Amino acid sequence: MYKRILLATDGSEHSLRSAEHAIHLATGSEGTIDVVFVIDGDTSKKDVLHHANKFEIDRRRREKISPVEARLEEAGVDYNVSMLHGEPGPEIVKFANDGEYDLAIVGSRGLNQLQTLVLGSVSHKVAKRVECPVMIIK
């Protein structure tokens, strides 16, 4: 049923729970998972200022999503990792809409109503703008 699944991750506990759901769905249908990690402008600037070289920066970014990758490997699911640059919501939406995905899975950080109103949430932006079905994991 779900042959191509997009999994948006940021390395948080929420995204690890999202990965578990993606794995469950992918193994049931022999699907593949495309893992997306978005580096926003502020994070990119901090990385450049605090780390010696590009290889160190890449290694640290990979470390953030290594628990998700380890779980995917352990489950034996086919997956690909894409590192994108920009604002997370719009970048995930563009990536999802450019691909032909059966499902997009994102985690929810559980912002309160004021935080959501002021900041907006990535999961809300994705749910509103992605053309394929979206699953939001609490």
N, C-alpha and C. Protein backbone atom coordinates (compact mmCIF):
# COMPACT_ATOMS: atom_id res chain seq x y z
N MET A 1 0.81 -1.19 0.00
CA MET A 1 0.00 0.00 0.00
C MET A 1 0.86 1.26 0.00
N TYR A 2 1.85 1.32 0.89
CA TYR A 2 2.74 2.48 0.93
C TYR A 2 4.12 2.05 0.44
N LYS A 3 4.35 2.24 -0.84
CA LYS A 3 5.64 1.84 -1.44
C LYS A 3 6.71 2.90 -1.24
N ARG A 4 6.33 4.18 -1.28
CA ARG A 4 7.28 5.28 -1.12
C ARG A 4 6.82 6.17 0.02
N ILE A 5 7.62 6.18 1.08
CA ILE A 5 7.29 6.94 2.27
C ILE A 5 8.36 8.01 2.50
N LEU A 6 7.90 9.22 2.75
CA LEU A 6 8.80 10.32 3.10
C LEU A 6 8.77 10.48 4.61
N LEU A 7 9.93 10.44 5.23
CA LEU A 7 10.04 10.61 6.68
C LEU A 7 10.87 11.86 6.96
N ALA A 8 10.23 12.88 7.52
CA ALA A 8 10.95 14.10 7.90
C ALA A 8 11.48 13.91 9.32
N THR A 9 12.77 14.14 9.51
CA THR A 9 13.37 13.94 10.82
C THR A 9 14.25 15.11 11.20
N ASP A 10 14.38 15.32 12.50
CA ASP A 10 15.29 16.35 13.01
C ASP A 10 16.20 15.78 14.09
N GLY A 11 16.14 14.47 14.28
CA GLY A 11 16.98 13.82 15.27
C GLY A 11 16.39 13.81 16.67
N SER A 12 15.18 14.34 16.83
CA SER A 12 14.55 14.39 18.15
C SER A 12 13.88 13.06 18.49
N GLU A 13 13.43 12.98 19.73
CA GLU A 13 12.70 11.79 20.19
C GLU A 13 11.40 11.63 19.39
N HIS A 14 10.77 12.76 19.04
CA HIS A 14 9.54 12.72 18.25
C HIS A 14 9.79 12.09 16.88
N SER A 15 10.91 12.44 16.27
CA SER A 15 11.19 11.91 14.94
C SER A 15 11.57 10.44 15.01
N LEU A 16 12.11 9.98 16.13
CA LEU A 16 12.40 8.55 16.29
C LEU A 16 11.09 7.76 16.38
N ARG A 17 10.11 8.30 17.07
CA ARG A 17 8.78 7.66 17.10
C ARG A 17 8.17 7.63 15.70
N SER A 18 8.36 8.71 14.96
CA SER A 18 7.85 8.76 13.58
C SER A 18 8.52 7.69 12.73
N ALA A 19 9.82 7.49 12.95
CA ALA A 19 10.56 6.46 12.21
C ALA A 19 9.99 5.08 12.49
N GLU A 20 9.61 4.82 13.73
CA GLU A 20 9.03 3.52 14.08
C GLU A 20 7.75 3.26 13.29
N HIS A 21 6.92 4.28 13.15
CA HIS A 21 5.69 4.14 12.37
C HIS A 21 6.01 3.94 10.89
N ALA A 22 6.98 4.67 10.39
CA ALA A 22 7.37 4.53 8.98
C ALA A 22 7.89 3.12 8.72
N ILE A 23 8.69 2.60 9.62
CA ILE A 23 9.23 1.25 9.48
C ILE A 23 8.10 0.23 9.46
N HIS A 24 7.16 0.38 10.37
CA HIS A 24 6.03 -0.55 10.43
C HIS A 24 5.26 -0.57 9.11
N LEU A 25 5.01 0.62 8.56
CA LEU A 25 4.26 0.71 7.31
C LEU A 25 5.07 0.20 6.12
N ALA A 26 6.36 0.50 6.10
CA ALA A 26 7.21 0.08 4.98
C ALA A 26 7.43 -1.42 4.95
N THR A 27 7.60 -2.04 6.12
CA THR A 27 7.84 -3.49 6.14
C THR A 27 6.59 -4.25 5.75
N GLY A 28 5.44 -3.69 6.03
CA GLY A 28 4.19 -4.36 5.66
C GLY A 28 3.93 -4.35 4.16
N SER A 29 4.55 -3.41 3.44
CA SER A 29 4.30 -3.31 2.00
C SER A 29 5.58 -3.35 1.18
N GLU A 30 6.69 -3.74 1.80
CA GLU A 30 7.99 -3.79 1.12
C GLU A 30 8.33 -2.46 0.47
N GLY A 31 8.07 -1.39 1.19
CA GLY A 31 8.29 -0.05 0.67
C GLY A 31 9.67 0.48 1.00
N THR A 32 9.97 1.66 0.46
CA THR A 32 11.22 2.36 0.76
C THR A 32 10.89 3.66 1.49
N ILE A 33 11.84 4.10 2.29
CA ILE A 33 11.67 5.32 3.06
C ILE A 33 12.74 6.32 2.64
N ASP A 34 12.30 7.53 2.31
CA ASP A 34 13.22 8.63 2.05
C ASP A 34 13.24 9.51 3.29
N VAL A 35 14.39 9.55 3.94
CA VAL A 35 14.57 10.34 5.16
C VAL A 35 15.05 11.72 4.76
N VAL A 36 14.37 12.75 5.26
CA VAL A 36 14.72 14.13 4.95
C VAL A 36 15.11 14.85 6.23
N PHE A 37 16.28 15.49 6.20
CA PHE A 37 16.77 16.30 7.32
C PHE A 37 17.05 17.69 6.77
N VAL A 38 16.41 18.71 7.33
CA VAL A 38 16.56 20.07 6.82
C VAL A 38 17.41 20.90 7.77
N ILE A 39 18.43 21.55 7.20
CA ILE A 39 19.30 22.43 7.96
C ILE A 39 18.87 23.86 7.66
N ASP A 40 18.37 24.55 8.70
CA ASP A 40 17.93 25.92 8.48
C ASP A 40 19.12 26.89 8.51
N GLY A 41 18.87 28.12 8.14
CA GLY A 41 19.95 29.11 8.03
C GLY A 41 20.69 29.37 9.32
N ASP A 42 19.96 29.49 10.43
CA ASP A 42 20.62 29.75 11.73
C ASP A 42 21.52 28.60 12.14
N THR A 43 21.04 27.39 11.97
CA THR A 43 21.84 26.21 12.32
C THR A 43 23.08 26.13 11.45
N SER A 44 22.92 26.43 10.18
CA SER A 44 24.04 26.40 9.25
C SER A 44 25.12 27.41 9.66
N LYS A 45 24.70 28.61 10.03
CA LYS A 45 25.65 29.63 10.46
C LYS A 45 26.39 29.20 11.73
N LYS A 46 25.65 28.67 12.71
CA LYS A 46 26.26 28.20 13.95
C LYS A 46 27.26 27.08 13.68
N ASP A 47 26.89 26.16 12.80
CA ASP A 47 27.78 25.05 12.47
C ASP A 47 29.10 25.56 11.90
N VAL A 48 29.03 26.53 11.00
CA VAL A 48 30.24 27.08 10.37
C VAL A 48 31.11 27.79 11.40
N LEU A 49 30.49 28.49 12.33
CA LEU A 49 31.24 29.23 13.34
C LEU A 49 31.89 28.32 14.39
N HIS A 50 31.24 27.19 14.70
CA HIS A 50 31.70 26.35 15.80
C HIS A 50 32.52 25.13 15.40
N HIS A 51 32.60 24.82 14.14
CA HIS A 51 33.32 23.62 13.73
C HIS A 51 34.42 23.96 12.73
N ALA A 52 35.47 23.16 12.80
CA ALA A 52 36.69 23.46 12.06
C ALA A 52 36.54 23.37 10.55
N ASN A 53 35.86 22.34 10.07
CA ASN A 53 35.80 22.17 8.61
C ASN A 53 34.49 21.53 8.18
N LYS A 54 34.32 21.46 6.88
CA LYS A 54 33.08 20.94 6.30
C LYS A 54 32.85 19.48 6.68
N PHE A 55 33.90 18.69 6.75
CA PHE A 55 33.75 17.27 7.08
C PHE A 55 33.25 17.08 8.50
N GLU A 56 33.72 17.92 9.41
CA GLU A 56 33.25 17.88 10.80
C GLU A 56 31.78 18.26 10.88
N ILE A 57 31.39 19.27 10.13
CA ILE A 57 30.00 19.70 10.10
C ILE A 57 29.11 18.58 9.57
N ASP A 58 29.51 17.96 8.47
CA ASP A 58 28.74 16.85 7.90
C ASP A 58 28.63 15.69 8.87
N ARG A 59 29.72 15.39 9.57
CA ARG A 59 29.73 14.28 10.53
C ARG A 59 28.75 14.55 11.67
N ARG A 60 28.76 15.77 12.18
CA ARG A 60 27.86 16.14 13.29
C ARG A 60 26.40 16.10 12.85
N ARG A 61 26.12 16.52 11.64
CA ARG A 61 24.74 16.46 11.14
C ARG A 61 24.28 15.02 11.00
N ARG A 62 25.15 14.17 10.50
CA ARG A 62 24.84 12.75 10.38
C ARG A 62 24.59 12.11 11.74
N GLU A 63 25.34 12.56 12.76
CA GLU A 63 25.16 12.04 14.11
C GLU A 63 23.75 12.32 14.64
N LYS A 64 23.19 13.47 14.26
CA LYS A 64 21.85 13.82 14.72
C LYS A 64 20.80 12.82 14.26
N ILE A 65 20.97 12.32 13.05
CA ILE A 65 19.96 11.38 12.53
C ILE A 65 20.41 9.92 12.62
N SER A 66 21.56 9.69 13.24
CA SER A 66 22.06 8.31 13.32
C SER A 66 21.13 7.35 14.07
N PRO A 67 20.40 7.79 15.12
CA PRO A 67 19.46 6.84 15.74
C PRO A 67 18.37 6.37 14.78
N VAL A 68 17.91 7.28 13.93
CA VAL A 68 16.89 6.92 12.93
C VAL A 68 17.48 5.96 11.91
N GLU A 69 18.68 6.28 11.42
CA GLU A 69 19.34 5.40 10.46
C GLU A 69 19.62 4.02 11.05
N ALA A 70 20.06 3.99 12.30
CA ALA A 70 20.35 2.71 12.96
C ALA A 70 19.09 1.86 13.05
N ARG A 71 17.98 2.50 13.38
CA ARG A 71 16.71 1.75 13.49
C ARG A 71 16.26 1.24 12.13
N LEU A 72 16.44 2.03 11.08
CA LEU A 72 16.08 1.60 9.73
C LEU A 72 16.95 0.42 9.29
N GLU A 73 18.24 0.49 9.58
CA GLU A 73 19.16 -0.61 9.24
C GLU A 73 18.76 -1.88 9.98
N GLU A 74 18.48 -1.72 11.27
CA GLU A 74 18.10 -2.85 12.11
C GLU A 74 16.85 -3.54 11.58
N ALA A 75 15.91 -2.74 11.08
CA ALA A 75 14.65 -3.29 10.56
C ALA A 75 14.81 -3.85 9.15
N GLY A 76 15.93 -3.54 8.49
CA GLY A 76 16.16 -4.04 7.14
C GLY A 76 15.33 -3.35 6.07
N VAL A 77 14.98 -2.11 6.32
CA VAL A 77 14.17 -1.34 5.38
C VAL A 77 15.08 -0.60 4.41
N ASP A 78 14.71 -0.57 3.14
CA ASP A 78 15.44 0.23 2.16
C ASP A 78 15.17 1.71 2.42
N TYR A 79 16.24 2.50 2.47
CA TYR A 79 16.05 3.93 2.74
C TYR A 79 17.14 4.75 2.07
N ASN A 80 16.84 6.03 1.89
CA ASN A 80 17.78 7.02 1.38
C ASN A 80 17.70 8.23 2.30
N VAL A 81 18.82 8.93 2.45
CA VAL A 81 18.85 10.14 3.28
C VAL A 81 19.15 11.34 2.39
N SER A 82 18.36 12.40 2.57
CA SER A 82 18.58 13.65 1.85
C SER A 82 18.72 14.77 2.86
N MET A 83 19.80 15.55 2.73
CA MET A 83 20.01 16.72 3.58
C MET A 83 19.65 17.94 2.74
N LEU A 84 18.69 18.71 3.22
CA LEU A 84 18.22 19.90 2.52
C LEU A 84 18.60 21.14 3.31
N HIS A 85 18.67 22.28 2.63
CA HIS A 85 18.99 23.55 3.28
C HIS A 85 17.85 24.53 3.06
N GLY A 86 17.44 25.20 4.14
CA GLY A 86 16.39 26.19 4.05
C GLY A 86 15.47 26.11 5.25
N GLU A 87 14.30 26.70 5.12
CA GLU A 87 13.30 26.64 6.18
C GLU A 87 12.62 25.28 6.14
N PRO A 88 12.56 24.56 7.25
CA PRO A 88 12.08 23.18 7.24
C PRO A 88 10.71 22.96 6.59
N GLY A 89 9.70 23.74 6.96
CA GLY A 89 8.36 23.52 6.40
C GLY A 89 8.33 23.57 4.88
N PRO A 90 8.70 24.69 4.29
CA PRO A 90 8.66 24.79 2.83
C PRO A 90 9.59 23.80 2.11
N GLU A 91 10.75 23.50 2.68
CA GLU A 91 11.67 22.56 2.04
C GLU A 91 11.09 21.14 2.01
N ILE A 92 10.48 20.73 3.11
CA ILE A 92 9.86 19.40 3.16
C ILE A 92 8.70 19.33 2.17
N VAL A 93 7.89 20.39 2.12
CA VAL A 93 6.76 20.44 1.20
C VAL A 93 7.24 20.32 -0.25
N LYS A 94 8.24 21.10 -0.60
CA LYS A 94 8.78 21.07 -1.98
C LYS A 94 9.32 19.68 -2.31
N PHE A 95 10.10 19.10 -1.40
CA PHE A 95 10.68 17.78 -1.63
C PHE A 95 9.57 16.74 -1.80
N ALA A 96 8.57 16.79 -0.95
CA ALA A 96 7.46 15.83 -1.02
C ALA A 96 6.67 15.98 -2.31
N ASN A 97 6.39 17.20 -2.69
CA ASN A 97 5.59 17.43 -3.90
C ASN A 97 6.37 17.16 -5.18
N ASP A 98 7.69 17.27 -5.14
CA ASP A 98 8.51 16.96 -6.31
C ASP A 98 8.65 15.45 -6.50
N GLY A 99 8.54 14.69 -5.41
CA GLY A 99 8.62 13.23 -5.49
C GLY A 99 7.21 12.67 -5.61
N GLU A 100 7.13 11.40 -5.88
CA GLU A 100 5.82 10.76 -5.97
C GLU A 100 5.67 9.84 -4.76
N TYR A 101 5.29 10.43 -3.63
CA TYR A 101 5.20 9.69 -2.38
C TYR A 101 3.77 9.23 -2.12
N ASP A 102 3.67 8.07 -1.50
CA ASP A 102 2.36 7.56 -1.10
C ASP A 102 1.96 8.12 0.26
N LEU A 103 2.95 8.53 1.05
CA LEU A 103 2.70 9.02 2.40
C LEU A 103 3.88 9.84 2.89
N ALA A 104 3.59 10.91 3.62
CA ALA A 104 4.62 11.69 4.30
C ALA A 104 4.37 11.58 5.80
N ILE A 105 5.43 11.33 6.56
CA ILE A 105 5.31 11.19 8.01
C ILE A 105 6.19 12.24 8.68
N VAL A 106 5.58 12.99 9.60
CA VAL A 106 6.29 14.00 10.37
C VAL A 106 5.93 13.85 11.84
N GLY A 107 6.84 14.27 12.70
CA GLY A 107 6.56 14.28 14.13
C GLY A 107 6.02 15.63 14.55
N SER A 108 5.31 15.63 15.66
CA SER A 108 4.78 16.85 16.22
C SER A 108 5.48 17.14 17.53
N ARG A 109 5.97 18.37 17.71
CA ARG A 109 6.67 18.73 18.93
C ARG A 109 5.71 19.07 20.06
N GLY A 110 4.45 19.22 19.75
CA GLY A 110 3.49 19.55 20.80
C GLY A 110 3.57 20.99 21.26
N LEU A 111 3.62 21.92 20.32
CA LEU A 111 3.62 23.34 20.68
C LEU A 111 2.26 23.71 21.27
N ASN A 112 2.26 24.65 22.21
CA ASN A 112 0.97 25.12 22.71
C ASN A 112 0.34 26.05 21.67
N GLN A 113 -0.91 26.47 21.91
CA GLN A 113 -1.62 27.26 20.90
C GLN A 113 -0.94 28.58 20.59
N LEU A 114 -0.39 29.24 21.59
CA LEU A 114 0.30 30.51 21.37
C LEU A 114 1.56 30.32 20.53
N GLN A 115 2.35 29.30 20.86
CA GLN A 115 3.56 29.03 20.09
C GLN A 115 3.22 28.70 18.64
N THR A 116 2.18 27.92 18.43
CA THR A 116 1.78 27.56 17.07
C THR A 116 1.32 28.79 16.31
N LEU A 117 0.57 29.67 16.99
CA LEU A 117 0.09 30.89 16.35
C LEU A 117 1.24 31.81 15.95
N VAL A 118 2.20 31.97 16.85
CA VAL A 118 3.32 32.89 16.59
C VAL A 118 4.33 32.27 15.64
N LEU A 119 4.74 31.03 15.91
CA LEU A 119 5.81 30.39 15.14
C LEU A 119 5.31 29.60 13.95
N GLY A 120 4.15 29.02 14.06
CA GLY A 120 3.70 28.06 13.07
C GLY A 120 4.43 26.77 13.34
N SER A 121 3.89 25.66 12.92
CA SER A 121 4.60 24.40 13.15
C SER A 121 4.92 23.76 11.81
N VAL A 122 6.03 23.07 11.79
CA VAL A 122 6.44 22.39 10.56
C VAL A 122 5.38 21.37 10.17
N SER A 123 4.90 20.58 11.14
CA SER A 123 3.91 19.54 10.82
C SER A 123 2.64 20.16 10.24
N HIS A 124 2.22 21.32 10.76
CA HIS A 124 1.03 21.98 10.25
C HIS A 124 1.24 22.46 8.82
N LYS A 125 2.40 23.05 8.54
CA LYS A 125 2.71 23.52 7.19
C LYS A 125 2.74 22.35 6.21
N VAL A 126 3.35 21.26 6.64
CA VAL A 126 3.44 20.07 5.77
C VAL A 126 2.04 19.52 5.50
N ALA A 127 1.24 19.38 6.55
CA ALA A 127 -0.10 18.80 6.40
C ALA A 127 -0.97 19.63 5.46
N LYS A 128 -0.81 20.95 5.50
CA LYS A 128 -1.63 21.81 4.66
C LYS A 128 -1.20 21.83 3.20
N ARG A 129 0.10 21.64 2.93
CA ARG A 129 0.60 21.92 1.59
C ARG A 129 1.10 20.71 0.80
N VAL A 130 1.33 19.59 1.46
CA VAL A 130 1.82 18.41 0.74
C VAL A 130 0.64 17.75 0.03
N GLU A 131 0.88 17.29 -1.19
CA GLU A 131 -0.20 16.72 -2.01
C GLU A 131 -0.55 15.28 -1.65
N CYS A 132 0.37 14.53 -1.06
CA CYS A 132 0.08 13.15 -0.68
C CYS A 132 -0.48 13.12 0.75
N PRO A 133 -1.04 11.99 1.19
CA PRO A 133 -1.51 11.91 2.58
C PRO A 133 -0.36 12.16 3.56
N VAL A 134 -0.67 12.77 4.71
CA VAL A 134 0.32 13.09 5.72
C VAL A 134 -0.10 12.46 7.05
N MET A 135 0.88 11.82 7.70
CA MET A 135 0.65 11.25 9.03
C MET A 135 1.49 12.04 10.01
N ILE A 136 0.85 12.60 11.04
CA ILE A 136 1.55 13.36 12.06
C ILE A 136 1.58 12.50 13.33
N ILE A 137 2.79 12.25 13.82
CA ILE A 137 2.97 11.41 15.00
C ILE A 137 3.19 12.31 16.21
N LYS A 138 2.37 12.13 17.23
CA LYS A 138 2.51 12.91 18.46
C LYS A 138 3.66 12.38 19.29
